[in-house]
Amino acid sequence: MTKGELEDKISKSLTQWEKDYLGRGSILVKTDILRNMVIVLMRGILTAAEQELATTREGLMSVKRMRSDLVESGANQLKALVSELTGIEVMSFYTDISTQTGERVMVFIMKSPIE
């Protein structure tokens, strides 16, 4: 499998995970592999209600916290998914969400570089 094919497969698998675990998927998912990192950008992750709620500071923090907690609760599933697809163990996982742009970034640090 080429690097591009693997990146595409990771994107599709994470979108399916979102649908299965969170109830809906992102509008756009782009995965890039760089040395020992898998970097995933997800766009269009917020619902209309979350976008409206995020117009206030309190609402913004509530949406950010809730979305972060939801993904963190499934972190072991995400790490297992990426490990299975790459054949390399995930050492650490980081994520953050922008309530202004409706984007989420996920970074998986692998045990060794992905060839």
N, C-alpha and C. Protein backbone atom coordinates (compact mmCIF):
# COMPACT_ATOMS: atom_id res chain seq x y z
N MET A 1 0.85 -1.18 0.00
CA MET A 1 0.00 0.00 0.00
C MET A 1 0.89 1.24 0.00
N THR A 2 0.55 2.22 -0.84
CA THR A 2 1.34 3.45 -0.88
C THR A 2 0.99 4.34 0.31
N LYS A 3 1.81 5.35 0.54
CA LYS A 3 1.57 6.29 1.63
C LYS A 3 0.21 6.97 1.44
N GLY A 4 -0.09 7.40 0.23
CA GLY A 4 -1.36 8.07 -0.07
C GLY A 4 -2.56 7.15 0.16
N GLU A 5 -2.42 5.89 -0.21
CA GLU A 5 -3.51 4.93 0.03
C GLU A 5 -3.73 4.71 1.52
N LEU A 6 -2.64 4.63 2.29
CA LEU A 6 -2.75 4.46 3.73
C LEU A 6 -3.40 5.69 4.37
N GLU A 7 -2.99 6.88 3.94
CA GLU A 7 -3.59 8.11 4.47
C GLU A 7 -5.09 8.14 4.18
N ASP A 8 -5.49 7.74 2.97
CA ASP A 8 -6.89 7.70 2.60
C ASP A 8 -7.65 6.68 3.44
N LYS A 9 -7.06 5.53 3.66
CA LYS A 9 -7.70 4.48 4.46
C LYS A 9 -7.89 4.93 5.91
N ILE A 10 -6.89 5.62 6.46
CA ILE A 10 -7.01 6.15 7.82
C ILE A 10 -8.14 7.18 7.88
N SER A 11 -8.20 8.08 6.90
CA SER A 11 -9.26 9.10 6.86
C SER A 11 -10.64 8.45 6.84
N LYS A 12 -10.82 7.46 5.98
CA LYS A 12 -12.12 6.79 5.88
C LYS A 12 -12.46 6.03 7.15
N SER A 13 -11.47 5.40 7.75
CA SER A 13 -11.71 4.64 8.98
C SER A 13 -12.07 5.55 10.15
N LEU A 14 -11.41 6.69 10.25
CA LEU A 14 -11.72 7.64 11.33
C LEU A 14 -13.10 8.28 11.13
N THR A 15 -13.48 8.52 9.87
CA THR A 15 -14.81 9.03 9.59
C THR A 15 -15.87 8.01 10.01
N GLN A 16 -15.63 6.74 9.72
CA GLN A 16 -16.56 5.69 10.12
C GLN A 16 -16.62 5.57 11.65
N TRP A 17 -15.45 5.70 12.31
CA TRP A 17 -15.43 5.66 13.77
C TRP A 17 -16.30 6.79 14.33
N GLU A 18 -16.16 8.00 13.76
CA GLU A 18 -16.97 9.14 14.21
C GLU A 18 -18.45 8.84 14.08
N LYS A 19 -18.85 8.28 12.95
CA LYS A 19 -20.26 7.97 12.71
C LYS A 19 -20.76 6.93 13.71
N ASP A 20 -19.96 5.90 13.93
CA ASP A 20 -20.36 4.83 14.84
C ASP A 20 -20.33 5.27 16.30
N TYR A 21 -19.31 6.00 16.70
CA TYR A 21 -19.11 6.33 18.11
C TYR A 21 -19.79 7.64 18.52
N LEU A 22 -19.72 8.65 17.64
CA LEU A 22 -20.25 9.97 17.98
C LEU A 22 -21.61 10.26 17.34
N GLY A 23 -22.02 9.42 16.41
CA GLY A 23 -23.33 9.60 15.79
C GLY A 23 -23.34 10.37 14.49
N ARG A 24 -22.22 10.99 14.15
CA ARG A 24 -22.10 11.69 12.86
C ARG A 24 -20.64 11.87 12.52
N GLY A 25 -20.36 11.98 11.23
CA GLY A 25 -18.98 12.12 10.78
C GLY A 25 -18.67 13.53 10.33
N SER A 26 -17.40 13.78 10.10
CA SER A 26 -16.94 15.07 9.60
C SER A 26 -17.33 15.24 8.14
N ILE A 27 -17.34 16.47 7.68
CA ILE A 27 -17.61 16.76 6.27
C ILE A 27 -16.36 16.44 5.44
N LEU A 28 -15.19 16.76 5.97
CA LEU A 28 -13.93 16.53 5.26
C LEU A 28 -12.89 16.02 6.25
N VAL A 29 -12.16 14.99 5.86
CA VAL A 29 -11.08 14.46 6.69
C VAL A 29 -9.84 14.33 5.81
N LYS A 30 -8.73 14.88 6.27
CA LYS A 30 -7.45 14.81 5.55
C LYS A 30 -6.40 14.27 6.50
N THR A 31 -5.72 13.20 6.10
CA THR A 31 -4.67 12.59 6.91
C THR A 31 -3.33 12.76 6.22
N ASP A 32 -2.32 13.12 6.99
CA ASP A 32 -0.95 13.21 6.49
C ASP A 32 -0.05 12.40 7.41
N ILE A 33 0.85 11.64 6.80
CA ILE A 33 1.84 10.87 7.55
C ILE A 33 3.17 11.59 7.40
N LEU A 34 3.79 11.89 8.52
CA LEU A 34 5.08 12.58 8.54
C LEU A 34 5.97 11.89 9.56
N ARG A 35 7.02 11.25 9.07
CA ARG A 35 7.93 10.48 9.91
C ARG A 35 7.15 9.51 10.81
N ASN A 36 7.14 9.75 12.11
CA ASN A 36 6.45 8.85 13.04
C ASN A 36 5.12 9.44 13.52
N MET A 37 4.56 10.37 12.74
CA MET A 37 3.31 11.01 13.14
C MET A 37 2.22 10.79 12.10
N VAL A 38 1.02 10.58 12.58
CA VAL A 38 -0.17 10.56 11.74
C VAL A 38 -0.97 11.78 12.16
N ILE A 39 -1.13 12.73 11.25
CA ILE A 39 -1.79 14.00 11.54
C ILE A 39 -3.11 14.02 10.77
N VAL A 40 -4.20 14.22 11.50
CA VAL A 40 -5.53 14.17 10.89
C VAL A 40 -6.23 15.51 11.13
N LEU A 41 -6.74 16.10 10.05
CA LEU A 41 -7.53 17.33 10.13
C LEU A 41 -8.96 16.98 9.74
N MET A 42 -9.90 17.31 10.62
CA MET A 42 -11.32 17.04 10.37
C MET A 42 -12.05 18.37 10.32
N ARG A 43 -12.83 18.56 9.26
CA ARG A 43 -13.59 19.80 9.12
C ARG A 43 -15.09 19.50 9.16
N GLY A 44 -15.84 20.46 9.66
CA GLY A 44 -17.29 20.33 9.70
C GLY A 44 -17.77 19.37 10.76
N ILE A 45 -17.16 19.44 11.94
CA ILE A 45 -17.51 18.47 12.99
C ILE A 45 -18.61 18.95 13.92
N LEU A 46 -18.88 20.25 13.94
CA LEU A 46 -19.87 20.78 14.87
C LEU A 46 -21.28 20.76 14.28
N THR A 47 -22.25 20.43 15.11
CA THR A 47 -23.64 20.51 14.69
C THR A 47 -24.06 21.98 14.66
N ALA A 48 -25.22 22.26 14.05
CA ALA A 48 -25.74 23.64 14.01
C ALA A 48 -25.98 24.15 15.43
N ALA A 49 -26.48 23.28 16.31
CA ALA A 49 -26.73 23.67 17.70
C ALA A 49 -25.42 24.01 18.42
N GLU A 50 -24.38 23.22 18.18
CA GLU A 50 -23.08 23.50 18.81
C GLU A 50 -22.50 24.81 18.28
N GLN A 51 -22.66 25.08 17.00
CA GLN A 51 -22.16 26.34 16.43
C GLN A 51 -22.87 27.53 17.07
N GLU A 52 -24.17 27.41 17.28
CA GLU A 52 -24.93 28.48 17.91
C GLU A 52 -24.50 28.66 19.37
N LEU A 53 -24.35 27.54 20.08
CA LEU A 53 -23.93 27.57 21.48
C LEU A 53 -22.55 28.21 21.62
N ALA A 54 -21.68 27.98 20.66
CA ALA A 54 -20.30 28.47 20.72
C ALA A 54 -20.17 29.96 20.46
N THR A 55 -21.28 30.67 20.28
CA THR A 55 -21.20 32.11 20.05
C THR A 55 -20.93 32.89 21.33
N THR A 56 -21.12 32.24 22.49
CA THR A 56 -20.79 32.89 23.76
C THR A 56 -19.56 32.20 24.35
N ARG A 57 -18.85 32.89 25.19
CA ARG A 57 -17.64 32.33 25.82
C ARG A 57 -17.98 31.07 26.62
N GLU A 58 -19.03 31.15 27.42
CA GLU A 58 -19.43 29.99 28.24
C GLU A 58 -19.84 28.81 27.35
N GLY A 59 -20.59 29.10 26.32
CA GLY A 59 -21.02 28.05 25.39
C GLY A 59 -19.85 27.44 24.64
N LEU A 60 -18.93 28.30 24.22
CA LEU A 60 -17.72 27.84 23.52
C LEU A 60 -16.94 26.86 24.37
N MET A 61 -16.74 27.20 25.62
CA MET A 61 -15.99 26.32 26.52
C MET A 61 -16.74 25.01 26.78
N SER A 62 -18.06 25.10 26.86
CA SER A 62 -18.87 23.91 27.08
C SER A 62 -18.77 22.96 25.89
N VAL A 63 -18.89 23.48 24.67
CA VAL A 63 -18.78 22.66 23.46
C VAL A 63 -17.39 22.04 23.36
N LYS A 64 -16.37 22.85 23.59
CA LYS A 64 -15.00 22.38 23.50
C LYS A 64 -14.74 21.26 24.51
N ARG A 65 -15.19 21.46 25.73
CA ARG A 65 -14.99 20.47 26.80
C ARG A 65 -15.74 19.17 26.48
N MET A 66 -16.99 19.29 26.08
CA MET A 66 -17.80 18.10 25.79
C MET A 66 -17.23 17.32 24.61
N ARG A 67 -16.89 17.99 23.54
CA ARG A 67 -16.32 17.31 22.37
C ARG A 67 -14.98 16.66 22.72
N SER A 68 -14.18 17.34 23.50
CA SER A 68 -12.89 16.78 23.91
C SER A 68 -13.10 15.53 24.77
N ASP A 69 -14.03 15.61 25.72
CA ASP A 69 -14.32 14.46 26.58
C ASP A 69 -14.83 13.27 25.77
N LEU A 70 -15.68 13.52 24.78
CA LEU A 70 -16.20 12.44 23.95
C LEU A 70 -15.09 11.71 23.20
N VAL A 71 -14.20 12.47 22.58
CA VAL A 71 -13.11 11.85 21.82
C VAL A 71 -12.14 11.16 22.76
N GLU A 72 -11.83 11.79 23.88
CA GLU A 72 -10.91 11.16 24.84
C GLU A 72 -11.48 9.84 25.37
N SER A 73 -12.80 9.75 25.51
CA SER A 73 -13.40 8.51 26.00
C SER A 73 -13.23 7.37 24.99
N GLY A 74 -13.02 7.72 23.73
CA GLY A 74 -12.79 6.71 22.70
C GLY A 74 -11.35 6.63 22.24
N ALA A 75 -10.43 7.25 22.99
CA ALA A 75 -9.02 7.31 22.58
C ALA A 75 -8.40 5.93 22.38
N ASN A 76 -8.74 4.98 23.24
CA ASN A 76 -8.16 3.64 23.08
C ASN A 76 -8.61 2.99 21.79
N GLN A 77 -9.87 3.21 21.40
CA GLN A 77 -10.36 2.69 20.13
C GLN A 77 -9.63 3.35 18.96
N LEU A 78 -9.44 4.65 19.05
CA LEU A 78 -8.74 5.38 17.99
C LEU A 78 -7.30 4.89 17.83
N LYS A 79 -6.61 4.74 18.96
CA LYS A 79 -5.22 4.26 18.90
C LYS A 79 -5.15 2.86 18.32
N ALA A 80 -6.08 1.99 18.72
CA ALA A 80 -6.09 0.62 18.19
C ALA A 80 -6.37 0.63 16.69
N LEU A 81 -7.26 1.49 16.24
CA LEU A 81 -7.59 1.60 14.83
C LEU A 81 -6.38 2.02 14.00
N VAL A 82 -5.69 3.06 14.45
CA VAL A 82 -4.52 3.56 13.72
C VAL A 82 -3.38 2.54 13.78
N SER A 83 -3.20 1.89 14.92
CA SER A 83 -2.17 0.85 15.03
C SER A 83 -2.44 -0.30 14.08
N GLU A 84 -3.69 -0.70 14.00
CA GLU A 84 -4.06 -1.80 13.11
C GLU A 84 -3.81 -1.45 11.64
N LEU A 85 -4.15 -0.23 11.26
CA LEU A 85 -3.99 0.19 9.87
C LEU A 85 -2.53 0.37 9.47
N THR A 86 -1.71 0.87 10.40
CA THR A 86 -0.31 1.13 10.08
C THR A 86 0.61 -0.04 10.40
N GLY A 87 0.17 -0.90 11.31
CA GLY A 87 1.02 -2.00 11.75
C GLY A 87 2.06 -1.56 12.76
N ILE A 88 1.89 -0.36 13.31
CA ILE A 88 2.85 0.21 14.26
C ILE A 88 2.09 0.69 15.50
N GLU A 89 2.64 0.47 16.66
CA GLU A 89 2.01 0.87 17.92
C GLU A 89 1.96 2.39 18.05
N VAL A 90 0.82 2.87 18.54
CA VAL A 90 0.66 4.30 18.85
C VAL A 90 1.22 4.54 20.25
N MET A 91 2.16 5.46 20.36
CA MET A 91 2.76 5.78 21.66
C MET A 91 1.96 6.84 22.41
N SER A 92 1.44 7.83 21.67
CA SER A 92 0.65 8.88 22.31
C SER A 92 -0.33 9.48 21.31
N PHE A 93 -1.34 10.13 21.86
CA PHE A 93 -2.43 10.69 21.06
C PHE A 93 -2.78 12.06 21.60
N TYR A 94 -2.92 13.04 20.70
CA TYR A 94 -3.26 14.41 21.08
C TYR A 94 -4.41 14.88 20.19
N THR A 95 -5.29 15.70 20.72
CA THR A 95 -6.37 16.24 19.91
C THR A 95 -6.78 17.61 20.45
N ASP A 96 -7.30 18.43 19.54
CA ASP A 96 -7.87 19.71 19.93
C ASP A 96 -8.91 20.09 18.90
N ILE A 97 -9.82 20.95 19.31
CA ILE A 97 -10.92 21.38 18.46
C ILE A 97 -10.96 22.90 18.42
N SER A 98 -11.29 23.45 17.26
CA SER A 98 -11.53 24.88 17.15
C SER A 98 -13.03 25.09 16.99
N THR A 99 -13.64 25.76 17.95
CA THR A 99 -15.07 26.03 17.85
C THR A 99 -15.34 27.18 16.88
N GLN A 100 -14.31 27.94 16.53
CA GLN A 100 -14.47 29.03 15.57
C GLN A 100 -14.55 28.51 14.14
N THR A 101 -13.71 27.51 13.82
CA THR A 101 -13.67 27.00 12.45
C THR A 101 -14.39 25.67 12.30
N GLY A 102 -14.75 25.02 13.40
CA GLY A 102 -15.39 23.71 13.33
C GLY A 102 -14.44 22.61 12.90
N GLU A 103 -13.16 22.79 13.22
CA GLU A 103 -12.13 21.81 12.86
C GLU A 103 -11.60 21.10 14.10
N ARG A 104 -11.18 19.86 13.89
CA ARG A 104 -10.50 19.09 14.93
C ARG A 104 -9.19 18.60 14.33
N VAL A 105 -8.14 18.62 15.14
CA VAL A 105 -6.85 18.05 14.76
C VAL A 105 -6.56 16.89 15.69
N MET A 106 -6.14 15.78 15.11
CA MET A 106 -5.70 14.62 15.89
C MET A 106 -4.27 14.31 15.46
N VAL A 107 -3.41 14.05 16.44
CA VAL A 107 -2.03 13.68 16.14
C VAL A 107 -1.73 12.38 16.89
N PHE A 108 -1.32 11.39 16.13
CA PHE A 108 -0.92 10.10 16.69
C PHE A 108 0.59 10.01 16.55
N ILE A 109 1.29 9.80 17.67
CA ILE A 109 2.74 9.61 17.65
C ILE A 109 2.98 8.10 17.70
N MET A 110 3.65 7.61 16.67
CA MET A 110 3.86 6.18 16.52
C MET A 110 5.20 5.77 17.16
N LYS A 111 5.32 4.48 17.43
CA LYS A 111 6.54 3.95 18.05
C LYS A 111 7.74 4.05 17.12
N SER A 112 7.50 3.99 15.81
CA SER A 112 8.58 4.11 14.83
C SER A 112 8.03 4.80 13.58
N PRO A 113 8.92 5.28 12.73
CA PRO A 113 8.46 5.94 11.50
C PRO A 113 7.64 4.99 10.62
N ILE A 114 6.71 5.56 9.90
CA ILE A 114 5.89 4.79 8.96
C ILE A 114 6.56 4.86 7.61
N GLU A 115 6.92 3.74 7.10
CA GLU A 115 7.65 3.69 5.81
C GLU A 115 6.68 3.67 4.65
